[in-house]
Structures are given as C-alpha cells and as structure tokens.
C-alpha cells in the first residue's frame, strides 16, 4: 500500500476536475477548500465522510 500524501490527493482532485471540464477558477476554489480541510480532519475522518456520502 502506498503512503498517504496530501499532494497526491490534490493531484487526483485536479485531474478529475480537469477531465470533467471544470474551469481553472473552479478547480482553484476546490483545491483551496480541500487543502484547508487537511488541517481539521484526520485521514480516517475523511474516509468516513466519503464512505457515508452518496458519492
């Protein structure tokens, strides 16, 4: 298993948003928002949020 990396997570977000056609400004807004969350959520908390979401 690979080590967790916040930068890799942001890279996945950027790549997915680019593929889906989001604008540069939309991507920037989301990346900044996610980056902020790194300081307030553990990896396990973030995983739990995802697992309980409809996505």
Protein backbone atom coordinates (compact mmCIF):
# COMPACT_ATOMS: atom_id res chain seq x y z
CA UNK A 1 0.00 0.00 0.00
CA UNK A 2 1.28 3.46 -0.86
CA UNK A 3 1.75 6.18 1.76
CA UNK A 4 -0.87 8.91 2.12
CA UNK A 5 0.06 12.19 0.51
CA UNK A 6 -1.97 15.39 0.67
CA UNK A 7 -0.34 16.48 -2.59
CA UNK A 8 -1.36 13.24 -4.30
CA UNK A 9 -4.93 13.75 -3.07
CA UNK A 10 -4.93 17.27 -4.51
CA UNK A 11 -3.49 15.90 -7.74
CA UNK A 12 -6.38 13.43 -8.03
CA UNK A 13 -8.84 16.26 -7.46
CA UNK A 14 -7.21 18.49 -10.07
CA UNK A 15 -7.01 15.66 -12.60
CA UNK A 16 -10.63 14.62 -12.11
CA UNK A 17 -11.92 18.16 -12.29
CA UNK A 18 -9.92 18.89 -15.44
CA UNK A 19 -11.26 15.70 -17.04
CA UNK A 20 -14.81 16.76 -16.13
CA UNK A 21 -14.32 20.17 -17.73
CA UNK A 22 -14.25 22.43 -14.68
CA UNK A 23 -12.73 25.88 -15.11
CA UNK A 24 -9.37 26.90 -13.69
CA UNK A 25 -11.12 29.13 -11.14
CA UNK A 26 -13.47 26.34 -10.02
CA UNK A 27 -10.53 23.96 -9.58
CA UNK A 28 -8.59 26.58 -7.63
CA UNK A 29 -11.55 27.14 -5.30
CA UNK A 30 -11.99 23.41 -4.61
CA UNK A 31 -8.26 22.76 -4.15
CA UNK A 32 -8.01 25.59 -1.62
CA UNK A 33 -11.08 24.30 0.22
CA UNK A 34 -9.74 20.74 0.42
CA UNK A 35 -6.27 21.97 1.43
CA UNK A 36 -7.89 23.84 4.33
CA UNK A 37 -9.68 20.64 5.45
CA UNK A 38 -6.36 18.78 5.81
CA UNK A 39 -5.80 20.79 8.99
CA UNK A 40 -9.14 19.85 10.54
CA UNK A 41 -9.86 16.25 9.51
CA UNK A 42 -7.84 13.10 10.02
CA UNK A 43 -7.49 10.60 7.19
CA UNK A 44 -9.92 8.29 9.00
CA UNK A 45 -12.47 11.11 9.44
CA UNK A 46 -12.23 12.00 5.76
CA UNK A 47 -12.61 8.35 4.77
CA UNK A 48 -15.70 8.05 6.97
CA UNK A 49 -17.24 11.16 5.39
CA UNK A 50 -16.68 9.68 1.93
CA UNK A 51 -17.95 6.23 2.90
CA UNK A 52 -21.17 7.72 4.28
CA UNK A 53 -21.72 10.05 1.33
CA UNK A 54 -23.88 9.45 -1.73
CA UNK A 55 -20.83 9.78 -3.96
